[in-house]
Amino acid sequence: MIADLLQEPRLIPLGPGTPNQAARARLQALAVEKVFPAEGVRDRAMAEACLAGLWLYHDFLDESHTISQSIATSTGSYWHGIMHRREPDAGNAAYWFRRVGDHPVFEPLGKAAIILGLVTPSDKWNPFYFIELCEQHRGTGAEEEMLLCRVQLREWELLFDWCFRQGTGPC
């Protein structure tokens, strides 16, 4: 089910985007119980975070928001923050990223951002700096916006992968 929803490569926009209606029915059919076998779920909140991420990947911000705001963890706040960053609501995004703290995805994301060519004040990932960059370049169509979209896609991939491993990994 998940692989089917990720077959179509998408460069996630910095803004809300246009919901991918072709994926709606498949997304609506998702439930933790259907996607992950009961014996394979180690952490239900992380499995639900995967679902929030899938809705976000296909630009259904409201549906992602409904799920992420019910996940009372650092990771739930992370997905919630991304959704508000894309909405765009920079202040609300910053609020949720303050609740994230220092997430395990930040280290590999900081390295990936540098490899992709993002110039940052330090090699450590700074979600607040990224919010500012998105605010500055969203909708410009400039090369910088495309770079930020690639970084955001890598962020999505790293966070989704981390959630999947945490949600289904060995006990």
C-alpha atoms as a PDB file:
ATOM      1  CA  MET A   1       0.000   0.000   0.000  1.00  0.00           C
ATOM      2  CA  ILE A   2       2.704   2.477   0.965  1.00  0.00           C
ATOM      3  CA  ALA A   3       4.931   1.659  -2.006  1.00  0.00           C
ATOM      4  CA  ASP A   4       1.991   2.259  -4.333  1.00  0.00           C
ATOM      5  CA  LEU A   5       1.543   5.779  -2.925  1.00  0.00           C
ATOM      6  CA  LEU A   6       5.232   6.558  -3.340  1.00  0.00           C
ATOM      7  CA  GLN A   7       5.698   5.273  -6.904  1.00  0.00           C
ATOM      8  CA  GLU A   8       5.021   8.669  -8.434  1.00  0.00           C
ATOM      9  CA  PRO A   9       8.035  10.893  -7.720  1.00  0.00           C
ATOM     10  CA  ARG A  10       6.940  14.256  -6.340  1.00  0.00           C
ATOM     11  CA  LEU A  11       8.891  17.406  -5.619  1.00  0.00           C
ATOM     12  CA  ILE A  12       6.918  18.653  -2.644  1.00  0.00           C
ATOM     13  CA  PRO A  13       6.139  22.378  -3.007  1.00  0.00           C
ATOM     14  CA  LEU A  14       7.095  24.891  -0.324  1.00  0.00           C
ATOM     15  CA  GLY A  15       3.486  26.063  -0.248  1.00  0.00           C
ATOM     16  CA  PRO A  16       0.286  24.083   0.156  1.00  0.00           C
ATOM     17  CA  GLY A  17       0.377  22.639  -3.343  1.00  0.00           C
ATOM     18  CA  THR A  18      -2.571  21.077  -5.111  1.00  0.00           C
ATOM     19  CA  PRO A  19      -3.943  17.896  -3.537  1.00  0.00           C
ATOM     20  CA  ASN A  20      -3.224  14.853  -5.683  1.00  0.00           C
ATOM     21  CA  GLN A  21      -6.814  13.722  -6.232  1.00  0.00           C
ATOM     22  CA  ALA A  22      -5.602  10.571  -7.999  1.00  0.00           C
ATOM     23  CA  ALA A  23      -4.240   9.374  -4.640  1.00  0.00           C
ATOM     24  CA  ARG A  24      -7.205  10.413  -2.442  1.00  0.00           C
ATOM     25  CA  ALA A  25      -9.099   7.097  -2.468  1.00  0.00           C
ATOM     26  CA  ARG A  26      -5.932   5.124  -1.705  1.00  0.00           C
ATOM     27  CA  LEU A  27      -5.054   7.506   1.122  1.00  0.00           C
ATOM     28  CA  GLN A  28      -8.581   7.304   2.556  1.00  0.00           C
ATOM     29  CA  ALA A  29      -8.296   3.512   2.608  1.00  0.00           C
ATOM     30  CA  LEU A  30      -5.223   3.711   4.837  1.00  0.00           C
ATOM     31  CA  ALA A  31      -5.409   2.728   8.466  1.00  0.00           C
ATOM     32  CA  VAL A  32      -2.633   1.563  10.749  1.00  0.00           C
ATOM     33  CA  GLU A  33      -4.306  -1.864  10.932  1.00  0.00           C
ATOM     34  CA  LYS A  34      -4.370  -2.218   7.128  1.00  0.00           C
ATOM     35  CA  VAL A  35      -0.940  -0.808   6.368  1.00  0.00           C
ATOM     36  CA  PHE A  36       0.983  -2.452   9.185  1.00  0.00           C
ATOM     37  CA  PRO A  37       0.228  -5.978  10.374  1.00  0.00           C
ATOM     38  CA  ALA A  38      -0.801  -5.894  14.046  1.00  0.00           C
ATOM     39  CA  GLU A  39       2.178  -7.987  15.103  1.00  0.00           C
ATOM     40  CA  GLY A  40       4.477  -5.637  13.185  1.00  0.00           C
ATOM     41  CA  VAL A  41       3.529  -2.389  14.939  1.00  0.00           C
ATOM     42  CA  ARG A  42       5.970  -1.529  17.683  1.00  0.00           C
ATOM     43  CA  ASP A  43       4.858   2.076  18.177  1.00  0.00           C
ATOM     44  CA  ARG A  44       1.362   3.042  17.054  1.00  0.00           C
ATOM     45  CA  ALA A  45       2.087   6.792  17.222  1.00  0.00           C
ATOM     46  CA  MET A  46       4.987   6.348  14.798  1.00  0.00           C
ATOM     47  CA  ALA A  47       2.816   4.267  12.465  1.00  0.00           C
ATOM     48  CA  GLU A  48       0.192   7.049  12.549  1.00  0.00           C
ATOM     49  CA  ALA A  49       2.957   9.574  11.849  1.00  0.00           C
ATOM     50  CA  CYS A  50       3.672   7.633   8.643  1.00  0.00           C
ATOM     51  CA  LEU A  51       0.053   8.144   7.615  1.00  0.00           C
ATOM     52  CA  ALA A  52       0.272  11.888   8.339  1.00  0.00           C
ATOM     53  CA  GLY A  53       3.389  11.997   6.183  1.00  0.00           C
ATOM     54  CA  LEU A  54       1.703  10.206   3.287  1.00  0.00           C
ATOM     55  CA  TRP A  55      -1.191  12.686   3.267  1.00  0.00           C
ATOM     56  CA  LEU A  56       1.316  15.536   3.334  1.00  0.00           C
ATOM     57  CA  TYR A  57       3.348  13.994   0.500  1.00  0.00           C
ATOM     58  CA  HIS A  58       0.256  14.197  -1.691  1.00  0.00           C
ATOM     59  CA  ASP A  59      -0.544  17.791  -0.613  1.00  0.00           C
ATOM     60  CA  PHE A  60      -3.572  17.036   1.573  1.00  0.00           C
ATOM     61  CA  LEU A  61      -2.601  19.404   4.353  1.00  0.00           C
ATOM     62  CA  ASP A  62      -5.880  19.297   6.291  1.00  0.00           C
ATOM     63  CA  GLU A  63      -5.944  15.501   6.448  1.00  0.00           C
ATOM     64  CA  SER A  64      -2.299  15.388   7.509  1.00  0.00           C
ATOM     65  CA  HIS A  65      -2.995  18.062  10.114  1.00  0.00           C
ATOM     66  CA  THR A  66      -5.865  16.071  11.624  1.00  0.00           C
ATOM     67  CA  ILE A  67      -3.528  13.130  12.192  1.00  0.00           C
ATOM     68  CA  SER A  68      -0.356  14.970  13.243  1.00  0.00           C
ATOM     69  CA  GLN A  69      -2.084  17.193  15.807  1.00  0.00           C
ATOM     70  CA  SER A  70      -3.299  14.064  17.609  1.00  0.00           C
ATOM     71  CA  ILE A  71       0.240  12.639  17.953  1.00  0.00           C
ATOM     72  CA  ALA A  72       1.559  14.072  21.217  1.00  0.00           C
ATOM     73  CA  THR A  73       5.238  13.396  20.553  1.00  0.00           C
ATOM     74  CA  SER A  74       8.223  15.274  19.193  1.00  0.00           C
ATOM     75  CA  THR A  75       7.661  13.519  15.872  1.00  0.00           C
ATOM     76  CA  GLY A  76       3.981  14.436  15.770  1.00  0.00           C
ATOM     77  CA  SER A  77       5.042  18.039  16.356  1.00  0.00           C
ATOM     78  CA  TYR A  78       7.568  17.710  13.520  1.00  0.00           C
ATOM     79  CA  TRP A  79       4.908  16.660  10.980  1.00  0.00           C
ATOM     80  CA  HIS A  80       2.617  19.344  12.391  1.00  0.00           C
ATOM     81  CA  GLY A  81       5.362  21.949  11.942  1.00  0.00           C
ATOM     82  CA  ILE A  82       6.016  20.939   8.332  1.00  0.00           C
ATOM     83  CA  MET A  83       2.311  21.211   7.555  1.00  0.00           C
ATOM     84  CA  HIS A  84       2.157  24.752   8.983  1.00  0.00           C
ATOM     85  CA  ARG A  85       5.381  25.729   7.191  1.00  0.00           C
ATOM     86  CA  ARG A  86       3.760  24.727   3.910  1.00  0.00           C
ATOM     87  CA  GLU A  87       0.374  26.251   4.747  1.00  0.00           C
ATOM     88  CA  PRO A  88       2.145  28.886   4.956  1.00  0.00           C
ATOM     89  CA  ASP A  89       1.948  29.960   8.581  1.00  0.00           C
ATOM     90  CA  ALA A  90       5.525  30.647   9.691  1.00  0.00           C
ATOM     91  CA  GLY A  91       4.608  31.614  13.253  1.00  0.00           C
ATOM     92  CA  ASN A  92       2.630  28.446  13.848  1.00  0.00           C
ATOM     93  CA  ALA A  93       5.339  26.360  12.175  1.00  0.00           C
ATOM     94  CA  ALA A  94       7.943  27.864  14.518  1.00  0.00           C
ATOM     95  CA  TYR A  95       5.709  27.102  17.519  1.00  0.00           C
ATOM     96  CA  TRP A  96       5.519  23.440  16.562  1.00  0.00           C
ATOM     97  CA  PHE A  97       9.235  23.203  15.777  1.00  0.00           C
ATOM     98  CA  ARG A  98       9.988  24.570  19.254  1.00  0.00           C
ATOM     99  CA  ARG A  99       7.994  21.597  20.571  1.00  0.00           C
ATOM    100  CA  VAL A 100      10.071  19.226  18.426  1.00  0.00           C
ATOM    101  CA  GLY A 101      13.310  19.922  20.283  1.00  0.00           C
ATOM    102  CA  ASP A 102      16.402  18.218  18.857  1.00  0.00           C
ATOM    103  CA  HIS A 103      14.963  15.470  16.657  1.00  0.00           C
ATOM    104  CA  PRO A 104      17.088  12.462  15.545  1.00  0.00           C
ATOM    105  CA  VAL A 105      16.399  13.372  11.888  1.00  0.00           C
ATOM    106  CA  PHE A 106      18.121  16.760  12.255  1.00  0.00           C
ATOM    107  CA  GLU A 107      21.676  15.396  12.036  1.00  0.00           C
ATOM    108  CA  PRO A 108      21.293  13.465   8.758  1.00  0.00           C
ATOM    109  CA  LEU A 109      19.092  16.252   7.381  1.00  0.00           C
ATOM    110  CA  GLY A 110      21.747  18.882   8.092  1.00  0.00           C
ATOM    111  CA  LYS A 111      24.312  16.801   6.220  1.00  0.00           C
ATOM    112  CA  ALA A 112      21.918  16.143   3.339  1.00  0.00           C
ATOM    113  CA  ALA A 113      21.075  19.846   3.025  1.00  0.00           C
ATOM    114  CA  ILE A 114      24.754  20.710   2.662  1.00  0.00           C
ATOM    115  CA  ILE A 115      25.265  17.951   0.075  1.00  0.00           C
ATOM    116  CA  LEU A 116      22.271  19.283  -1.874  1.00  0.00           C
ATOM    117  CA  GLY A 117      23.902  22.725  -1.855  1.00  0.00           C
ATOM    118  CA  LEU A 118      22.047  24.619   0.869  1.00  0.00           C
ATOM    119  CA  VAL A 119      24.316  27.196   2.488  1.00  0.00           C
ATOM    120  CA  THR A 120      23.507  27.413   6.181  1.00  0.00           C
ATOM    121  CA  PRO A 121      24.953  29.302   9.158  1.00  0.00           C
ATOM    122  CA  SER A 122      26.203  25.973  10.560  1.00  0.00           C
ATOM    123  CA  ASP A 123      26.267  22.316   9.605  1.00  0.00           C
ATOM    124  CA  LYS A 124      23.560  21.609  12.195  1.00  0.00           C
ATOM    125  CA  TRP A 125      19.978  21.582  10.886  1.00  0.00           C
ATOM    126  CA  ASN A 126      18.062  24.659  11.956  1.00  0.00           C
ATOM    127  CA  PRO A 127      14.318  24.312  11.290  1.00  0.00           C
ATOM    128  CA  PHE A 128      13.737  27.999  12.085  1.00  0.00           C
ATOM    129  CA  TYR A 129      16.273  29.117   9.481  1.00  0.00           C
ATOM    130  CA  PHE A 130      14.605  26.793   6.981  1.00  0.00           C
ATOM    131  CA  ILE A 131      11.201  28.347   7.765  1.00  0.00           C
ATOM    132  CA  GLU A 132      12.713  31.783   7.024  1.00  0.00           C
ATOM    133  CA  LEU A 133      14.182  30.558   3.736  1.00  0.00           C
ATOM    134  CA  CYS A 134      10.858  29.055   2.696  1.00  0.00           C
ATOM    135  CA  GLU A 135       9.119  32.350   3.496  1.00  0.00           C
ATOM    136  CA  GLN A 136      11.648  34.270   1.388  1.00  0.00           C
ATOM    137  CA  HIS A 137      11.634  32.006  -1.664  1.00  0.00           C
ATOM    138  CA  ARG A 138       8.156  30.400  -1.785  1.00  0.00           C
ATOM    139  CA  GLY A 139       6.437  31.121  -5.083  1.00  0.00           C
ATOM    140  CA  THR A 140       9.423  32.821  -6.710  1.00  0.00           C
ATOM    141  CA  GLY A 141      10.157  30.035  -9.181  1.00  0.00           C
ATOM    142  CA  ALA A 142      13.825  30.839  -8.654  1.00  0.00           C
ATOM    143  CA  GLU A 143      16.637  28.322  -8.418  1.00  0.00           C
ATOM    144  CA  GLU A 144      16.698  28.839  -4.634  1.00  0.00           C
ATOM    145  CA  GLU A 145      13.071  27.723  -4.387  1.00  0.00           C
ATOM    146  CA  MET A 146      13.843  24.520  -6.291  1.00  0.00           C
ATOM    147  CA  LEU A 147      16.807  23.853  -3.993  1.00  0.00           C
ATOM    148  CA  LEU A 148      14.579  24.319  -0.948  1.00  0.00           C
ATOM    149  CA  CYS A 149      12.023  21.937  -2.472  1.00  0.00           C
ATOM    150  CA  ARG A 150      14.750  19.296  -2.873  1.00  0.00           C
ATOM    151  CA  VAL A 151      15.849  19.804   0.740  1.00  0.00           C
ATOM    152  CA  GLN A 152      12.223  19.594   1.886  1.00  0.00           C
ATOM    153  CA  LEU A 153      11.761  16.352  -0.052  1.00  0.00           C
ATOM    154  CA  ARG A 154      14.861  14.920   1.619  1.00  0.00           C
ATOM    155  CA  GLU A 155      13.460  16.044   4.972  1.00  0.00           C
ATOM    156  CA  TRP A 156      10.221  14.200   4.188  1.00  0.00           C
ATOM    157  CA  GLU A 157      12.118  11.053   3.149  1.00  0.00           C
ATOM    158  CA  LEU A 158      14.297  11.018   6.259  1.00  0.00           C
ATOM    159  CA  LEU A 159      11.414  11.701   8.640  1.00  0.00           C
ATOM    160  CA  PHE A 160       9.115   9.162   6.984  1.00  0.00           C
ATOM    161  CA  ASP A 161      11.844   6.504   7.005  1.00  0.00           C
ATOM    162  CA  TRP A 162      12.632   7.223  10.661  1.00  0.00           C
ATOM    163  CA  CYS A 163       8.940   6.989  11.608  1.00  0.00           C
ATOM    164  CA  PHE A 164       8.539   3.744   9.689  1.00  0.00           C
ATOM    165  CA  ARG A 165      11.570   2.159  11.368  1.00  0.00           C
ATOM    166  CA  GLN A 166      10.467   3.352  14.818  1.00  0.00           C
ATOM    167  CA  GLY A 167       6.915   2.201  14.226  1.00  0.00           C
ATOM    168  CA  THR A 168       7.683  -1.229  12.855  1.00  0.00           C
ATOM    169  CA  GLY A 169      11.206  -2.090  13.948  1.00  0.00           C
ATOM    170  CA  PRO A 170      12.085  -4.965  16.266  1.00  0.00           C
ATOM    171  CA  CYS A 171      10.923  -4.612  19.863  1.00  0.00           C
END
